[in-house]
Every structure is written in C-alpha cells, then in structure tokens.
Amino acid sequence: MPSETAPASIGAHRDVLWNAAAGLDPGRATSEIEAAIGRALRRNTRLRGHHITVTAGADGLVTLSGTVPTQALRQEVELSCWTVPGVWTLHDDLAVGRSAVARNTS
C-alpha cells in the first residue's frame, strides 16, 4: 500500500532565483558588489586618480561619494556602476568641479 505522505528529501535545496526585472541577486554579498564596482571603475583610465568611495547595501542600493572634475566623468562613474549585477538603486553624492577636487586634496 503506497504511503500518503512523501518521504522527506535528503540534501534537497530551495532554488533562489535572481530577479532580473528588479536587478536583485540575493546570493551576492555587498562586499562583492563593492569590489565589482571598484574593478569596473579601475578599468576606466579616465577615472584613475579620482577618489571615489562606493558603499553597497543589502537591498542593492549603491551610494557613491568623492569628487570628479566634470559632469561627463560623473556619468561614466554612474554607467560603470550600472554594469554590475546586483545594483538596483544608485545614490550619487559625487562632487563635480575642479574646486571640489582641490578642496579634497588640500
């Protein structure tokens, strides 16, 4: 006579799906996202020498702080961040302008 209850699976796992529409990858640690953004920024030779700090939150929120001399470079920083999986929201606190760069180096 067949059992009415199925035996418990040994070694079974629950699938965790990446929500591509939301840009969330639950298996990715915030430190991995920060490191991936750092690598993306270092690949851009125009961004070298600028002090940009990246902070990632568990919910996919990335905050940028630091200085860049032009609005065009600011946009390059933002675009580099969006190429990293797991970035869902970008909060840009970058200061733009040569005077902002000079203030941070004095």
C-alpha atoms as a PDB file:
ATOM      1  CA  MET A   1       0.000   0.000   0.000  1.00  0.00           C
ATOM      2  CA  PRO A   2       1.550   3.364  -1.043  1.00  0.00           C
ATOM      3  CA  SER A   3       2.278   5.920   1.618  1.00  0.00           C
ATOM      4  CA  GLU A   4       0.073   9.002   1.566  1.00  0.00           C
ATOM      5  CA  THR A   5       2.946  11.254   2.574  1.00  0.00           C
ATOM      6  CA  ALA A   6       6.079  11.626   0.512  1.00  0.00           C
ATOM      7  CA  PRO A   7       9.357  10.899   2.242  1.00  0.00           C
ATOM      8  CA  ALA A   8      11.495  13.887   3.138  1.00  0.00           C
ATOM      9  CA  SER A   9      14.173  14.643   0.573  1.00  0.00           C
ATOM     10  CA  ILE A  10      17.700  14.337   1.809  1.00  0.00           C
ATOM     11  CA  GLY A  11      20.031  17.039   0.547  1.00  0.00           C
ATOM     12  CA  ALA A  12      17.221  18.940  -1.119  1.00  0.00           C
ATOM     13  CA  HIS A  13      17.644  22.659  -1.635  1.00  0.00           C
ATOM     14  CA  ARG A  14      15.392  25.565  -2.371  1.00  0.00           C
ATOM     15  CA  ASP A  15      16.045  27.418  -5.575  1.00  0.00           C
ATOM     16  CA  VAL A  16      16.830  31.080  -5.166  1.00  0.00           C
ATOM     17  CA  LEU A  17      16.057  32.954  -8.325  1.00  0.00           C
ATOM     18  CA  TRP A  18      17.705  36.151  -9.443  1.00  0.00           C
ATOM     19  CA  ASN A  19      15.029  38.735 -10.077  1.00  0.00           C
ATOM     20  CA  ALA A  20      16.330  40.222 -13.327  1.00  0.00           C
ATOM     21  CA  ALA A  21      13.479  42.722 -13.529  1.00  0.00           C
ATOM     22  CA  ALA A  22      14.416  44.150 -10.148  1.00  0.00           C
ATOM     23  CA  GLY A  23      18.161  43.702 -10.609  1.00  0.00           C
ATOM     24  CA  LEU A  24      18.464  41.836  -7.310  1.00  0.00           C
ATOM     25  CA  ASP A  25      20.808  38.929  -6.824  1.00  0.00           C
ATOM     26  CA  PRO A  26      20.167  37.646  -3.284  1.00  0.00           C
ATOM     27  CA  GLY A  27      23.251  35.459  -3.246  1.00  0.00           C
ATOM     28  CA  ARG A  28      25.625  38.326  -3.840  1.00  0.00           C
ATOM     29  CA  ALA A  29      27.200  39.930  -0.788  1.00  0.00           C
ATOM     30  CA  THR A  30      27.522  43.694  -0.547  1.00  0.00           C
ATOM     31  CA  SER A  31      31.307  43.387  -0.387  1.00  0.00           C
ATOM     32  CA  GLU A  32      31.262  41.525  -3.713  1.00  0.00           C
ATOM     33  CA  ILE A  33      29.196  44.295  -5.293  1.00  0.00           C
ATOM     34  CA  GLU A  34      31.568  46.955  -3.942  1.00  0.00           C
ATOM     35  CA  ALA A  35      34.583  45.016  -5.238  1.00  0.00           C
ATOM     36  CA  ALA A  36      32.998  44.518  -8.671  1.00  0.00           C
ATOM     37  CA  ILE A  37      32.227  48.235  -8.951  1.00  0.00           C
ATOM     38  CA  GLY A  38      35.790  49.044  -7.873  1.00  0.00           C
ATOM     39  CA  ARG A  39      37.139  46.811 -10.654  1.00  0.00           C
ATOM     40  CA  ALA A  40      34.796  48.434 -13.183  1.00  0.00           C
ATOM     41  CA  LEU A  41      35.972  51.911 -12.157  1.00  0.00           C
ATOM     42  CA  ARG A  42      39.667  50.912 -12.311  1.00  0.00           C
ATOM     43  CA  ARG A  43      39.223  49.633 -15.870  1.00  0.00           C
ATOM     44  CA  ASN A  44      38.309  53.178 -16.949  1.00  0.00           C
ATOM     45  CA  THR A  45      41.620  55.033 -17.383  1.00  0.00           C
ATOM     46  CA  ARG A  46      39.898  58.447 -17.182  1.00  0.00           C
ATOM     47  CA  LEU A  47      38.708  57.673 -13.649  1.00  0.00           C
ATOM     48  CA  ARG A  48      42.131  56.793 -12.237  1.00  0.00           C
ATOM     49  CA  GLY A  49      43.415  59.216  -9.649  1.00  0.00           C
ATOM     50  CA  HIS A  50      39.952  60.292  -8.511  1.00  0.00           C
ATOM     51  CA  HIS A  51      38.895  59.349  -5.009  1.00  0.00           C
ATOM     52  CA  ILE A  52      35.528  57.647  -5.303  1.00  0.00           C
ATOM     53  CA  THR A  53      34.025  55.692  -2.434  1.00  0.00           C
ATOM     54  CA  VAL A  54      31.428  53.002  -3.134  1.00  0.00           C
ATOM     55  CA  THR A  55      29.109  51.690  -0.429  1.00  0.00           C
ATOM     56  CA  ALA A  56      26.626  48.898  -1.199  1.00  0.00           C
ATOM     57  CA  GLY A  57      23.617  47.928   0.878  1.00  0.00           C
ATOM     58  CA  ALA A  58      21.916  44.558   1.131  1.00  0.00           C
ATOM     59  CA  ASP A  59      18.931  45.817  -0.853  1.00  0.00           C
ATOM     60  CA  GLY A  60      21.006  46.655  -3.954  1.00  0.00           C
ATOM     61  CA  LEU A  61      21.410  50.332  -3.027  1.00  0.00           C
ATOM     62  CA  VAL A  62      24.810  51.694  -4.014  1.00  0.00           C
ATOM     63  CA  THR A  63      26.000  55.077  -2.729  1.00  0.00           C
ATOM     64  CA  LEU A  64      28.812  56.971  -4.442  1.00  0.00           C
ATOM     65  CA  SER A  65      30.836  59.682  -2.745  1.00  0.00           C
ATOM     66  CA  GLY A  66      34.001  61.540  -3.686  1.00  0.00           C
ATOM     67  CA  THR A  67      34.972  64.015  -6.379  1.00  0.00           C
ATOM     68  CA  VAL A  68      35.323  64.147 -10.145  1.00  0.00           C
ATOM     69  CA  PRO A  69      36.292  67.194 -12.236  1.00  0.00           C
ATOM     70  CA  THR A  70      33.491  67.041 -14.826  1.00  0.00           C
ATOM     71  CA  GLN A  71      29.868  66.035 -15.234  1.00  0.00           C
ATOM     72  CA  ALA A  72      30.922  63.704 -18.060  1.00  0.00           C
ATOM     73  CA  LEU A  73      33.170  61.743 -15.679  1.00  0.00           C
ATOM     74  CA  ARG A  74      30.360  61.627 -13.152  1.00  0.00           C
ATOM     75  CA  GLN A  75      28.152  59.994 -15.773  1.00  0.00           C
ATOM     76  CA  GLU A  76      30.914  57.499 -16.603  1.00  0.00           C
ATOM     77  CA  VAL A  77      31.101  56.518 -12.928  1.00  0.00           C
ATOM     78  CA  GLU A  78      27.327  56.002 -12.837  1.00  0.00           C
ATOM     79  CA  LEU A  79      27.321  53.947 -16.037  1.00  0.00           C
ATOM     80  CA  SER A  80      30.154  51.774 -14.725  1.00  0.00           C
ATOM     81  CA  CYS A  81      28.102  51.054 -11.601  1.00  0.00           C
ATOM     82  CA  TRP A  82      25.038  50.038 -13.584  1.00  0.00           C
ATOM     83  CA  THR A  83      27.075  47.350 -15.406  1.00  0.00           C
ATOM     84  CA  VAL A  84      27.492  45.409 -12.142  1.00  0.00           C
ATOM     85  CA  PRO A  85      24.846  42.751 -11.389  1.00  0.00           C
ATOM     86  CA  GLY A  86      23.081  43.329  -8.083  1.00  0.00           C
ATOM     87  CA  VAL A  87      22.934  47.133  -8.367  1.00  0.00           C
ATOM     88  CA  TRP A  88      19.303  48.118  -8.047  1.00  0.00           C
ATOM     89  CA  THR A  89      19.420  51.745  -6.904  1.00  0.00           C
ATOM     90  CA  LEU A  90      22.220  54.275  -7.304  1.00  0.00           C
ATOM     91  CA  HIS A  91      22.570  57.257  -4.974  1.00  0.00           C
ATOM     92  CA  ASP A  92      25.141  59.680  -6.383  1.00  0.00           C
ATOM     93  CA  ASP A  93      26.777  62.004  -3.834  1.00  0.00           C
ATOM     94  CA  LEU A  94      29.752  62.819  -6.081  1.00  0.00           C
ATOM     95  CA  ALA A  95      31.024  66.406  -6.048  1.00  0.00           C
ATOM     96  CA  VAL A  96      31.752  67.801  -9.511  1.00  0.00           C
ATOM     97  CA  GLY A  97      34.253  70.521 -10.397  1.00  0.00           C
ATOM     98  CA  ARG A  98      37.907  71.376 -10.124  1.00  0.00           C
ATOM     99  CA  SER A  99      37.318  73.342  -6.912  1.00  0.00           C
ATOM    100  CA  ALA A 100      35.774  70.256  -5.315  1.00  0.00           C
ATOM    101  CA  VAL A 101      38.871  68.231  -6.306  1.00  0.00           C
ATOM    102  CA  ALA A 102      41.211  70.943  -4.968  1.00  0.00           C
ATOM    103  CA  ARG A 103      39.349  71.063  -1.615  1.00  0.00           C
ATOM    104  CA  ASN A 104      39.774  67.315  -1.136  1.00  0.00           C
ATOM    105  CA  THR A 105      43.497  67.328  -1.907  1.00  0.00           C
ATOM    106  CA  SER A 106      44.430  70.203   0.445  1.00  0.00           C
END
